[in-house]
């Protein structure tokens, strides 16, 4: 009887530790991806028509978990080249919204089924579409987060970016896992 209770307690502890570790891992991944997004902005050039004026902020729309939005709100350094960075979660009816006000759309893995429709809606707009399709390449976005072992990396679809008038600096292309 005591052995059974001890095993149950041990099992509960293992499950609790596993869930805590998984949650901490998700926070670390979100923090890392927020920093990646910041770097992507730094090494990406948009056409002038992507902004209302020279002082306009970079607007990031996030489809999925809003943890990255919260991170951007707490990051101390939240401007690049004199432009602030504003991140917000996209509403569920985002396809009825004017997406041209965004320079970046980040599609979390939980919403990857939306990528085809999103690509169709944004095809003529200078919007950097970033996806999180961890286990496979993604032909629909311009940058795709992938996981190699326990490391987060990214692949770039330069052709999709060029067709939207977006240019990546060579430094970013050099560190991508794959450039298509």
C-alpha atoms as a PDB file:
ATOM      1  CA  UNK A   1       0.000   0.000   0.000  1.00  0.00           C
ATOM      2  CA  UNK A   2       2.774   2.446   0.978  1.00  0.00           C
ATOM      3  CA  UNK A   3       4.691   1.564  -2.180  1.00  0.00           C
ATOM      4  CA  UNK A   4       1.581   2.305  -4.279  1.00  0.00           C
ATOM      5  CA  UNK A   5       1.069   5.697  -2.633  1.00  0.00           C
ATOM      6  CA  UNK A   6       4.759   6.496  -3.007  1.00  0.00           C
ATOM      7  CA  UNK A   7       4.612   5.607  -6.710  1.00  0.00           C
ATOM      8  CA  UNK A   8       1.517   7.800  -7.153  1.00  0.00           C
ATOM      9  CA  UNK A   9       3.204  10.749  -5.433  1.00  0.00           C
ATOM     10  CA  UNK A  10       6.320  10.242  -7.563  1.00  0.00           C
ATOM     11  CA  UNK A  11       4.192  10.095 -10.730  1.00  0.00           C
ATOM     12  CA  UNK A  12       2.370  13.308  -9.779  1.00  0.00           C
ATOM     13  CA  UNK A  13       5.717  15.032  -9.130  1.00  0.00           C
ATOM     14  CA  UNK A  14       7.086  13.897 -12.490  1.00  0.00           C
ATOM     15  CA  UNK A  15       3.970  15.126 -14.323  1.00  0.00           C
ATOM     16  CA  UNK A  16       4.103  18.463 -12.474  1.00  0.00           C
ATOM     17  CA  UNK A  17       7.807  18.957 -13.230  1.00  0.00           C
ATOM     18  CA  UNK A  18       7.250  17.998 -16.890  1.00  0.00           C
ATOM     19  CA  UNK A  19       4.381  20.493 -17.243  1.00  0.00           C
ATOM     20  CA  UNK A  20       6.380  23.219 -15.484  1.00  0.00           C
ATOM     21  CA  UNK A  21       9.386  22.555 -17.733  1.00  0.00           C
ATOM     22  CA  UNK A  22       7.180  22.600 -20.837  1.00  0.00           C
ATOM     23  CA  UNK A  23       5.597  25.917 -19.767  1.00  0.00           C
ATOM     24  CA  UNK A  24       9.024  27.412 -19.058  1.00  0.00           C
ATOM     25  CA  UNK A  25      10.205  26.150 -22.453  1.00  0.00           C
ATOM     26  CA  UNK A  26       7.278  27.893 -24.147  1.00  0.00           C
ATOM     27  CA  UNK A  27       8.140  31.146 -22.364  1.00  0.00           C
ATOM     28  CA  UNK A  28      11.768  30.819 -23.449  1.00  0.00           C
ATOM     29  CA  UNK A  29      10.661  30.044 -27.034  1.00  0.00           C
ATOM     30  CA  UNK A  30       8.344  33.073 -27.051  1.00  0.00           C
ATOM     31  CA  UNK A  31      11.104  35.285 -25.668  1.00  0.00           C
ATOM     32  CA  UNK A  32      13.567  33.958 -28.254  1.00  0.00           C
ATOM     33  CA  UNK A  33      11.097  34.443 -31.105  1.00  0.00           C
ATOM     34  CA  UNK A  34      10.351  37.988 -29.960  1.00  0.00           C
ATOM     35  CA  UNK A  35      14.073  38.710 -30.163  1.00  0.00           C
ATOM     36  CA  UNK A  36      14.236  37.043 -33.574  1.00  0.00           C
ATOM     37  CA  UNK A  37      11.379  39.295 -34.760  1.00  0.00           C
ATOM     38  CA  UNK A  38      13.281  42.317 -33.513  1.00  0.00           C
ATOM     39  CA  UNK A  39      16.363  41.151 -35.453  1.00  0.00           C
ATOM     40  CA  UNK A  40      14.312  40.433 -38.577  1.00  0.00           C
ATOM     41  CA  UNK A  41      13.035  44.016 -38.524  1.00  0.00           C
ATOM     42  CA  UNK A  42      16.601  45.307 -38.160  1.00  0.00           C
ATOM     43  CA  UNK A  43      17.797  43.428 -41.258  1.00  0.00           C
ATOM     44  CA  UNK A  44      14.771  43.941 -43.503  1.00  0.00           C
ATOM     45  CA  UNK A  45      13.974  46.814 -45.852  1.00  0.00           C
ATOM     46  CA  UNK A  46      10.417  47.716 -46.755  1.00  0.00           C
ATOM     47  CA  UNK A  47       9.333  49.917 -49.652  1.00  0.00           C
ATOM     48  CA  UNK A  48       8.277  53.434 -48.652  1.00  0.00           C
ATOM     49  CA  UNK A  49       4.628  52.631 -49.376  1.00  0.00           C
ATOM     50  CA  UNK A  50       4.641  50.194 -46.425  1.00  0.00           C
ATOM     51  CA  UNK A  51       4.482  53.159 -44.019  1.00  0.00           C
ATOM     52  CA  UNK A  52       2.121  56.105 -43.751  1.00  0.00           C
ATOM     53  CA  UNK A  53       5.064  58.458 -43.160  1.00  0.00           C
ATOM     54  CA  UNK A  54       8.721  58.435 -42.102  1.00  0.00           C
ATOM     55  CA  UNK A  55       7.802  58.371 -38.391  1.00  0.00           C
ATOM     56  CA  UNK A  56       5.293  55.529 -38.576  1.00  0.00           C
ATOM     57  CA  UNK A  57       5.843  52.611 -36.217  1.00  0.00           C
ATOM     58  CA  UNK A  58       6.525  49.060 -37.277  1.00  0.00           C
ATOM     59  CA  UNK A  59       3.238  47.270 -36.696  1.00  0.00           C
ATOM     60  CA  UNK A  60       3.279  43.559 -35.951  1.00  0.00           C
ATOM     61  CA  UNK A  61       0.040  41.597 -36.093  1.00  0.00           C
ATOM     62  CA  UNK A  62       0.176  38.240 -34.325  1.00  0.00           C
ATOM     63  CA  UNK A  63      -2.238  35.462 -35.142  1.00  0.00           C
ATOM     64  CA  UNK A  64      -2.270  33.019 -32.253  1.00  0.00           C
ATOM     65  CA  UNK A  65      -0.895  33.108 -28.732  1.00  0.00           C
ATOM     66  CA  UNK A  66      -0.353  36.680 -27.584  1.00  0.00           C
ATOM     67  CA  UNK A  67       2.673  35.944 -25.379  1.00  0.00           C
ATOM     68  CA  UNK A  68       4.962  37.742 -27.826  1.00  0.00           C
ATOM     69  CA  UNK A  69       2.713  40.820 -27.729  1.00  0.00           C
ATOM     70  CA  UNK A  70       3.191  40.944 -23.955  1.00  0.00           C
ATOM     71  CA  UNK A  71       6.958  40.565 -24.370  1.00  0.00           C
ATOM     72  CA  UNK A  72       7.131  43.514 -26.772  1.00  0.00           C
ATOM     73  CA  UNK A  73       5.202  45.626 -24.325  1.00  0.00           C
ATOM     74  CA  UNK A  74       7.816  44.916 -21.645  1.00  0.00           C
ATOM     75  CA  UNK A  75      10.986  45.073 -23.752  1.00  0.00           C
ATOM     76  CA  UNK A  76      13.066  48.158 -22.920  1.00  0.00           C
ATOM     77  CA  UNK A  77      14.493  48.695 -26.375  1.00  0.00           C
ATOM     78  CA  UNK A  78      11.409  48.885 -28.528  1.00  0.00           C
ATOM     79  CA  UNK A  79      12.431  50.988 -31.500  1.00  0.00           C
ATOM     80  CA  UNK A  80      14.555  50.434 -34.589  1.00  0.00           C
ATOM     81  CA  UNK A  81      15.924  53.193 -36.804  1.00  0.00           C
ATOM     82  CA  UNK A  82      13.784  55.753 -34.999  1.00  0.00           C
ATOM     83  CA  UNK A  83      10.558  53.783 -35.485  1.00  0.00           C
ATOM     84  CA  UNK A  84       8.693  52.347 -32.535  1.00  0.00           C
ATOM     85  CA  UNK A  85       7.501  48.754 -32.604  1.00  0.00           C
ATOM     86  CA  UNK A  86       3.861  48.070 -31.871  1.00  0.00           C
ATOM     87  CA  UNK A  87       2.646  44.493 -31.586  1.00  0.00           C
ATOM     88  CA  UNK A  88      -0.934  43.373 -31.228  1.00  0.00           C
ATOM     89  CA  UNK A  89      -2.945  40.197 -31.426  1.00  0.00           C
ATOM     90  CA  UNK A  90      -5.038  39.906 -34.551  1.00  0.00           C
ATOM     91  CA  UNK A  91      -8.768  39.517 -33.930  1.00  0.00           C
ATOM     92  CA  UNK A  92     -10.520  36.354 -35.088  1.00  0.00           C
ATOM     93  CA  UNK A  93     -12.083  38.276 -37.987  1.00  0.00           C
ATOM     94  CA  UNK A  94      -8.664  39.533 -39.138  1.00  0.00           C
ATOM     95  CA  UNK A  95      -9.398  38.764 -42.804  1.00  0.00           C
ATOM     96  CA  UNK A  96     -12.068  41.466 -42.791  1.00  0.00           C
ATOM     97  CA  UNK A  97      -9.564  44.008 -41.391  1.00  0.00           C
ATOM     98  CA  UNK A  98      -7.305  46.343 -43.349  1.00  0.00           C
ATOM     99  CA  UNK A  99      -4.047  44.416 -43.106  1.00  0.00           C
ATOM    100  CA  UNK A 100      -2.097  47.070 -45.028  1.00  0.00           C
ATOM    101  CA  UNK A 101      -1.420  48.885 -41.737  1.00  0.00           C
ATOM    102  CA  UNK A 102       0.938  46.050 -40.721  1.00  0.00           C
ATOM    103  CA  UNK A 103       4.521  45.576 -41.829  1.00  0.00           C
ATOM    104  CA  UNK A 104       4.743  42.127 -40.209  1.00  0.00           C
ATOM    105  CA  UNK A 105       2.234  39.357 -39.686  1.00  0.00           C
ATOM    106  CA  UNK A 106       3.364  36.526 -37.427  1.00  0.00           C
ATOM    107  CA  UNK A 107       1.344  33.316 -37.653  1.00  0.00           C
ATOM    108  CA  UNK A 108       1.827  31.058 -34.645  1.00  0.00           C
ATOM    109  CA  UNK A 109       1.909  27.297 -35.228  1.00  0.00           C
ATOM    110  CA  UNK A 110      -1.567  26.908 -33.735  1.00  0.00           C
ATOM    111  CA  UNK A 111      -2.934  28.960 -36.675  1.00  0.00           C
ATOM    112  CA  UNK A 112      -0.769  27.643 -39.526  1.00  0.00           C
ATOM    113  CA  UNK A 113      -3.896  26.477 -41.370  1.00  0.00           C
ATOM    114  CA  UNK A 114      -4.601  30.186 -42.053  1.00  0.00           C
ATOM    115  CA  UNK A 115      -1.392  30.724 -44.054  1.00  0.00           C
ATOM    116  CA  UNK A 116      -2.805  29.988 -47.528  1.00  0.00           C
ATOM    117  CA  UNK A 117      -5.685  32.436 -47.090  1.00  0.00           C
ATOM    118  CA  UNK A 118      -3.375  35.012 -45.508  1.00  0.00           C
ATOM    119  CA  UNK A 119      -0.940  34.753 -48.410  1.00  0.00           C
ATOM    120  CA  UNK A 120      -3.806  35.286 -50.844  1.00  0.00           C
ATOM    121  CA  UNK A 121      -5.014  38.386 -48.985  1.00  0.00           C
ATOM    122  CA  UNK A 122      -1.541  39.935 -48.598  1.00  0.00           C
ATOM    123  CA  UNK A 123       0.024  38.983 -51.953  1.00  0.00           C
ATOM    124  CA  UNK A 124       0.121  42.576 -53.252  1.00  0.00           C
ATOM    125  CA  UNK A 125       1.032  44.190 -49.941  1.00  0.00           C
ATOM    126  CA  UNK A 126       4.539  44.878 -48.543  1.00  0.00           C
ATOM    127  CA  UNK A 127       3.945  42.728 -45.455  1.00  0.00           C
ATOM    128  CA  UNK A 128       6.579  40.386 -44.063  1.00  0.00           C
ATOM    129  CA  UNK A 129       4.734  37.144 -43.269  1.00  0.00           C
ATOM    130  CA  UNK A 130       6.484  35.032 -40.646  1.00  0.00           C
ATOM    131  CA  UNK A 131       5.291  31.562 -39.734  1.00  0.00           C
ATOM    132  CA  UNK A 132       6.003  29.067 -37.045  1.00  0.00           C
ATOM    133  CA  UNK A 133       5.712  25.767 -38.830  1.00  0.00           C
ATOM    134  CA  UNK A 134       8.246  24.022 -36.663  1.00  0.00           C
ATOM    135  CA  UNK A 135       8.273  20.586 -38.260  1.00  0.00           C
ATOM    136  CA  UNK A 136       8.363  21.412 -41.951  1.00  0.00           C
ATOM    137  CA  UNK A 137       9.310  23.958 -44.558  1.00  0.00           C
ATOM    138  CA  UNK A 138       6.730  26.535 -45.390  1.00  0.00           C
ATOM    139  CA  UNK A 139       6.418  27.840 -48.926  1.00  0.00           C
ATOM    140  CA  UNK A 140       3.687  30.320 -47.984  1.00  0.00           C
ATOM    141  CA  UNK A 141       5.557  32.651 -45.646  1.00  0.00           C
ATOM    142  CA  UNK A 142       8.736  34.688 -46.101  1.00  0.00           C
ATOM    143  CA  UNK A 143      10.390  33.567 -42.883  1.00  0.00           C
ATOM    144  CA  UNK A 144       9.561  30.311 -41.147  1.00  0.00           C
ATOM    145  CA  UNK A 145      10.710  29.273 -37.688  1.00  0.00           C
ATOM    146  CA  UNK A 146      11.893  25.685 -37.579  1.00  0.00           C
ATOM    147  CA  UNK A 147      13.242  23.563 -34.769  1.00  0.00           C
ATOM    148  CA  UNK A 148      16.476  21.645 -35.273  1.00  0.00           C
ATOM    149  CA  UNK A 149      17.072  19.433 -32.282  1.00  0.00           C
ATOM    150  CA  UNK A 150      16.420  21.702 -29.342  1.00  0.00           C
ATOM    151  CA  UNK A 151      17.342  24.902 -31.196  1.00  0.00           C
ATOM    152  CA  UNK A 152      15.035  27.395 -32.896  1.00  0.00           C
ATOM    153  CA  UNK A 153      16.232  28.373 -36.372  1.00  0.00           C
ATOM    154  CA  UNK A 154      14.619  29.979 -39.396  1.00  0.00           C
ATOM    155  CA  UNK A 155      14.370  29.541 -43.151  1.00  0.00           C
ATOM    156  CA  UNK A 156      13.803  32.367 -45.633  1.00  0.00           C
ATOM    157  CA  UNK A 157      11.703  32.326 -48.782  1.00  0.00           C
ATOM    158  CA  UNK A 158      13.397  35.222 -50.549  1.00  0.00           C
ATOM    159  CA  UNK A 159      11.234  34.914 -53.664  1.00  0.00           C
ATOM    160  CA  UNK A 160       8.049  35.581 -51.674  1.00  0.00           C
ATOM    161  CA  UNK A 161       9.711  38.577 -50.020  1.00  0.00           C
ATOM    162  CA  UNK A 162      10.906  40.040 -53.325  1.00  0.00           C
ATOM    163  CA  UNK A 163       7.445  39.734 -54.844  1.00  0.00           C
ATOM    164  CA  UNK A 164       6.140  41.893 -51.958  1.00  0.00           C
ATOM    165  CA  UNK A 165       8.907  44.472 -52.418  1.00  0.00           C
ATOM    166  CA  UNK A 166      10.696  43.381 -49.244  1.00  0.00           C
ATOM    167  CA  UNK A 167      14.476  43.004 -49.179  1.00  0.00           C
ATOM    168  CA  UNK A 168      16.542  41.107 -46.633  1.00  0.00           C
ATOM    169  CA  UNK A 169      20.054  42.287 -45.907  1.00  0.00           C
ATOM    170  CA  UNK A 170      22.815  39.821 -46.698  1.00  0.00           C
ATOM    171  CA  UNK A 171      23.672  39.403 -42.995  1.00  0.00           C
ATOM    172  CA  UNK A 172      20.232  37.916 -42.344  1.00  0.00           C
ATOM    173  CA  UNK A 173      20.377  35.661 -45.394  1.00  0.00           C
ATOM    174  CA  UNK A 174      23.768  34.309 -44.263  1.00  0.00           C
ATOM    175  CA  UNK A 175      22.483  33.102 -40.891  1.00  0.00           C
ATOM    176  CA  UNK A 176      19.285  31.486 -42.182  1.00  0.00           C
ATOM    177  CA  UNK A 177      19.234  27.703 -42.112  1.00  0.00           C
ATOM    178  CA  UNK A 178      17.892  27.688 -45.662  1.00  0.00           C
ATOM    179  CA  UNK A 179      17.219  30.357 -48.306  1.00  0.00           C
ATOM    180  CA  UNK A 180      14.774  29.581 -51.087  1.00  0.00           C
END
